[in-house]
């Protein structure tokens, strides 16, 4: 596998795709989520990057509300862990 193919396989939180598809900058996202631009960058790092951070619960709630429900709490975790998520309580 060449370097270009390896870069394509990098998995990141769904929030990054959602944000970039809407031409929203990290600075704009930071303002809406009430965090710093640096923090948004840390949330969006590849899943295998040890510097990546998972948002606090209140930030996940803001992202969920802002995205109209498209960014759910489980999308901040690697896909291999999502299958383990419990069903939402109703």
N, C-alpha and C. Protein backbone atom coordinates (compact mmCIF):
# COMPACT_ATOMS: atom_id res chain seq x y z
N UNK A 1 0.86 -1.18 0.00
CA UNK A 1 0.00 0.00 0.00
C UNK A 1 0.90 1.24 0.00
N UNK A 2 0.66 2.16 -0.94
CA UNK A 2 1.50 3.35 -0.99
C UNK A 2 1.01 4.41 0.01
N UNK A 3 1.79 5.47 0.13
CA UNK A 3 1.49 6.50 1.14
C UNK A 3 0.13 7.16 0.91
N UNK A 4 -0.22 7.40 -0.34
CA UNK A 4 -1.51 8.03 -0.65
C UNK A 4 -2.67 7.15 -0.20
N UNK A 5 -2.55 5.84 -0.42
CA UNK A 5 -3.61 4.92 0.00
C UNK A 5 -3.71 4.85 1.52
N UNK A 6 -2.56 4.91 2.19
CA UNK A 6 -2.58 4.89 3.65
C UNK A 6 -3.28 6.12 4.21
N UNK A 7 -3.04 7.28 3.60
CA UNK A 7 -3.68 8.51 4.07
C UNK A 7 -5.19 8.44 3.90
N UNK A 8 -5.65 7.79 2.84
CA UNK A 8 -7.09 7.67 2.61
C UNK A 8 -7.75 6.80 3.66
N UNK A 9 -7.03 5.86 4.24
CA UNK A 9 -7.58 4.94 5.21
C UNK A 9 -7.64 5.51 6.62
N UNK A 10 -7.13 6.70 6.82
CA UNK A 10 -7.15 7.31 8.15
C UNK A 10 -8.59 7.56 8.57
N UNK A 11 -8.95 7.02 9.71
CA UNK A 11 -10.32 7.21 10.21
C UNK A 11 -10.33 8.31 11.25
N UNK A 12 -11.28 9.20 11.11
CA UNK A 12 -11.44 10.32 12.03
C UNK A 12 -12.88 10.38 12.52
N UNK A 13 -13.12 11.11 13.59
CA UNK A 13 -14.50 11.27 14.04
C UNK A 13 -15.38 11.88 12.94
N UNK A 14 -16.62 11.45 12.90
CA UNK A 14 -17.59 11.92 11.90
C UNK A 14 -17.76 13.44 11.94
N UNK A 15 -17.52 14.05 13.08
CA UNK A 15 -17.68 15.49 13.19
C UNK A 15 -16.84 16.24 12.16
N UNK A 16 -15.63 15.79 11.89
CA UNK A 16 -14.77 16.46 10.91
C UNK A 16 -15.42 16.48 9.53
N UNK A 17 -15.93 15.33 9.08
CA UNK A 17 -16.59 15.28 7.76
C UNK A 17 -17.81 16.19 7.75
N UNK A 18 -18.61 16.10 8.82
CA UNK A 18 -19.81 16.93 8.90
C UNK A 18 -19.45 18.40 8.80
N UNK A 19 -18.43 18.83 9.53
CA UNK A 19 -18.00 20.23 9.55
C UNK A 19 -17.46 20.67 8.20
N UNK A 20 -16.57 19.88 7.62
CA UNK A 20 -15.95 20.28 6.34
C UNK A 20 -16.95 20.25 5.19
N UNK A 21 -17.91 19.32 5.22
CA UNK A 21 -18.94 19.27 4.17
C UNK A 21 -19.77 20.55 4.15
N UNK A 22 -19.83 21.24 5.27
CA UNK A 22 -20.62 22.47 5.38
C UNK A 22 -19.76 23.73 5.35
N UNK A 23 -18.49 23.55 5.03
CA UNK A 23 -17.54 24.67 4.97
C UNK A 23 -17.50 25.46 6.28
N UNK A 24 -17.57 24.77 7.37
CA UNK A 24 -17.48 25.39 8.69
C UNK A 24 -16.03 25.29 9.15
N UNK A 25 -15.45 26.39 9.56
CA UNK A 25 -14.07 26.36 10.03
C UNK A 25 -13.98 25.81 11.45
N UNK A 26 -12.78 25.44 11.83
CA UNK A 26 -12.59 25.00 13.21
C UNK A 26 -12.89 26.13 14.18
N UNK A 27 -12.56 27.35 13.79
CA UNK A 27 -12.85 28.50 14.66
C UNK A 27 -14.35 28.69 14.86
N UNK A 28 -15.13 28.54 13.78
CA UNK A 28 -16.58 28.66 13.89
C UNK A 28 -17.15 27.53 14.75
N UNK A 29 -16.63 26.31 14.55
CA UNK A 29 -17.09 25.18 15.35
C UNK A 29 -16.75 25.39 16.82
N UNK A 30 -15.56 25.91 17.08
CA UNK A 30 -15.14 26.17 18.46
C UNK A 30 -16.11 27.14 19.14
N UNK A 31 -16.50 28.17 18.42
CA UNK A 31 -17.42 29.14 19.00
C UNK A 31 -18.77 28.49 19.31
N UNK A 32 -19.28 27.70 18.38
CA UNK A 32 -20.59 27.05 18.59
C UNK A 32 -20.56 26.01 19.72
N UNK A 33 -19.40 25.35 19.87
CA UNK A 33 -19.28 24.30 20.90
C UNK A 33 -18.77 24.83 22.23
N UNK A 34 -18.40 26.12 22.25
CA UNK A 34 -17.89 26.77 23.46
C UNK A 34 -16.59 26.11 23.95
N UNK A 35 -15.71 25.85 22.99
CA UNK A 35 -14.37 25.32 23.28
C UNK A 35 -13.37 26.11 22.43
N UNK A 36 -12.09 25.84 22.61
CA UNK A 36 -11.08 26.53 21.80
C UNK A 36 -10.92 25.86 20.43
N UNK A 37 -10.36 26.60 19.48
CA UNK A 37 -10.08 26.06 18.16
C UNK A 37 -9.10 24.89 18.28
N UNK A 38 -8.15 25.00 19.18
CA UNK A 38 -7.18 23.92 19.40
C UNK A 38 -7.91 22.66 19.86
N UNK A 39 -8.90 22.83 20.72
CA UNK A 39 -9.65 21.68 21.23
C UNK A 39 -10.42 21.00 20.10
N UNK A 40 -11.02 21.78 19.21
CA UNK A 40 -11.72 21.19 18.06
C UNK A 40 -10.74 20.36 17.25
N UNK A 41 -9.54 20.90 17.03
CA UNK A 41 -8.52 20.15 16.31
C UNK A 41 -8.18 18.84 16.98
N UNK A 42 -8.12 18.82 18.29
CA UNK A 42 -7.83 17.59 19.03
C UNK A 42 -8.97 16.57 18.89
N UNK A 43 -10.20 17.06 18.85
CA UNK A 43 -11.35 16.17 18.67
C UNK A 43 -11.30 15.49 17.30
N UNK A 44 -10.77 16.20 16.30
CA UNK A 44 -10.80 15.72 14.92
C UNK A 44 -9.59 14.90 14.50
N UNK A 45 -8.62 14.73 15.37
CA UNK A 45 -7.44 13.94 15.02
C UNK A 45 -7.85 12.50 14.71
N UNK A 46 -7.03 11.79 13.92
CA UNK A 46 -7.34 10.38 13.64
C UNK A 46 -7.50 9.57 14.93
N UNK A 47 -8.33 8.55 14.85
CA UNK A 47 -8.62 7.73 16.03
C UNK A 47 -7.36 7.14 16.65
N UNK A 48 -6.35 6.86 15.82
CA UNK A 48 -5.14 6.24 16.35
C UNK A 48 -4.09 7.24 16.83
N UNK A 49 -4.39 8.52 16.79
CA UNK A 49 -3.45 9.54 17.25
C UNK A 49 -3.57 9.68 18.77
N UNK A 50 -2.47 9.50 19.49
CA UNK A 50 -2.55 9.57 20.96
C UNK A 50 -2.90 10.97 21.49
N UNK A 51 -2.81 11.99 20.66
CA UNK A 51 -3.16 13.35 21.10
C UNK A 51 -4.66 13.63 21.00
N UNK A 52 -5.38 12.74 20.31
CA UNK A 52 -6.82 12.95 20.11
C UNK A 52 -7.54 12.91 21.45
N UNK A 53 -8.55 13.76 21.55
CA UNK A 53 -9.36 13.80 22.77
C UNK A 53 -10.83 13.61 22.42
N UNK A 54 -11.56 13.08 23.37
CA UNK A 54 -13.00 12.88 23.21
C UNK A 54 -13.69 14.01 23.97
N UNK A 55 -14.67 14.66 23.34
CA UNK A 55 -15.35 15.78 24.01
C UNK A 55 -16.04 15.37 25.30
N UNK A 56 -16.15 16.34 26.19
CA UNK A 56 -16.94 16.15 27.41
C UNK A 56 -18.42 16.00 27.01
N UNK A 57 -19.19 15.47 27.92
CA UNK A 57 -20.60 15.21 27.65
C UNK A 57 -21.35 16.46 27.18
N UNK A 58 -21.10 17.59 27.84
CA UNK A 58 -21.84 18.81 27.45
C UNK A 58 -21.46 19.29 26.05
N UNK A 59 -20.23 19.03 25.63
CA UNK A 59 -19.81 19.40 24.27
C UNK A 59 -20.48 18.46 23.26
N UNK A 60 -20.56 17.17 23.60
CA UNK A 60 -21.27 16.23 22.72
C UNK A 60 -22.73 16.64 22.57
N UNK A 61 -23.34 17.09 23.65
CA UNK A 61 -24.74 17.54 23.59
C UNK A 61 -24.88 18.75 22.67
N UNK A 62 -23.95 19.70 22.78
CA UNK A 62 -24.00 20.89 21.90
C UNK A 62 -23.85 20.48 20.44
N UNK A 63 -22.92 19.57 20.17
CA UNK A 63 -22.70 19.11 18.79
C UNK A 63 -23.95 18.40 18.26
N UNK A 64 -24.58 17.60 19.10
CA UNK A 64 -25.80 16.90 18.71
C UNK A 64 -26.90 17.90 18.34
N UNK A 65 -27.10 18.88 19.20
CA UNK A 65 -28.14 19.89 18.95
C UNK A 65 -27.81 20.72 17.71
N UNK A 66 -26.58 21.17 17.60
CA UNK A 66 -26.15 22.02 16.48
C UNK A 66 -26.29 21.28 15.16
N UNK A 67 -25.98 19.97 15.15
CA UNK A 67 -26.01 19.19 13.90
C UNK A 67 -27.40 18.65 13.59
N UNK A 68 -28.38 19.00 14.39
CA UNK A 68 -29.72 18.48 14.17
C UNK A 68 -29.79 16.98 14.38
N UNK A 69 -28.94 16.47 15.26
CA UNK A 69 -28.95 15.05 15.58
C UNK A 69 -28.05 14.19 14.72
N UNK A 70 -27.33 14.79 13.78
CA UNK A 70 -26.44 14.01 12.91
C UNK A 70 -25.17 13.56 13.63
N UNK A 71 -24.67 14.37 14.54
CA UNK A 71 -23.47 14.01 15.29
C UNK A 71 -23.92 13.49 16.66
N UNK A 72 -23.94 12.18 16.77
CA UNK A 72 -24.37 11.53 18.01
C UNK A 72 -23.14 11.21 18.86
N UNK A 73 -23.32 10.99 20.13
CA UNK A 73 -22.16 10.69 20.99
C UNK A 73 -21.29 9.54 20.50
N UNK A 74 -21.88 8.51 19.92
CA UNK A 74 -21.07 7.38 19.48
C UNK A 74 -20.16 7.71 18.30
N UNK A 75 -20.47 8.76 17.54
CA UNK A 75 -19.63 9.10 16.38
C UNK A 75 -18.28 9.68 16.79
N UNK A 76 -18.08 9.97 18.05
CA UNK A 76 -16.79 10.46 18.53
C UNK A 76 -15.83 9.30 18.81
N UNK A 77 -16.33 8.07 18.74
CA UNK A 77 -15.54 6.89 19.05
C UNK A 77 -15.23 6.11 17.77
N UNK A 78 -14.15 5.32 17.77
CA UNK A 78 -13.83 4.51 16.58
C UNK A 78 -14.96 3.55 16.25
N UNK A 79 -15.18 3.28 14.96
CA UNK A 79 -16.27 2.38 14.56
C UNK A 79 -16.22 1.02 15.26
N UNK A 80 -15.04 0.49 15.53
CA UNK A 80 -14.93 -0.83 16.16
C UNK A 80 -15.54 -0.82 17.57
N UNK A 81 -15.63 0.35 18.20
CA UNK A 81 -16.21 0.45 19.54
C UNK A 81 -17.71 0.76 19.50
N UNK A 82 -18.19 1.23 18.38
CA UNK A 82 -19.61 1.61 18.30
C UNK A 82 -20.52 0.42 18.41
N UNK A 83 -20.10 -0.72 17.94
CA UNK A 83 -20.93 -1.92 18.00
C UNK A 83 -21.17 -2.33 19.44
N UNK A 84 -20.30 -1.89 20.33
CA UNK A 84 -20.42 -2.22 21.75
C UNK A 84 -21.32 -1.25 22.50
N UNK A 85 -21.73 -0.18 21.84
CA UNK A 85 -22.53 0.83 22.52
C UNK A 85 -23.87 0.25 22.93
N UNK A 86 -24.32 0.56 24.13
CA UNK A 86 -25.64 0.11 24.54
C UNK A 86 -26.71 0.87 23.77
N UNK A 87 -27.85 0.27 23.67
CA UNK A 87 -28.99 0.94 23.02
C UNK A 87 -29.40 2.14 23.86
N UNK A 88 -29.84 3.22 23.22
CA UNK A 88 -30.26 4.39 23.99
C UNK A 88 -31.46 4.07 24.89
N UNK A 89 -31.47 4.68 26.04
CA UNK A 89 -32.58 4.52 26.97
C UNK A 89 -33.72 5.40 26.50
N UNK A 90 -34.92 4.86 26.50
CA UNK A 90 -36.07 5.64 26.02
C UNK A 90 -37.00 5.98 27.12
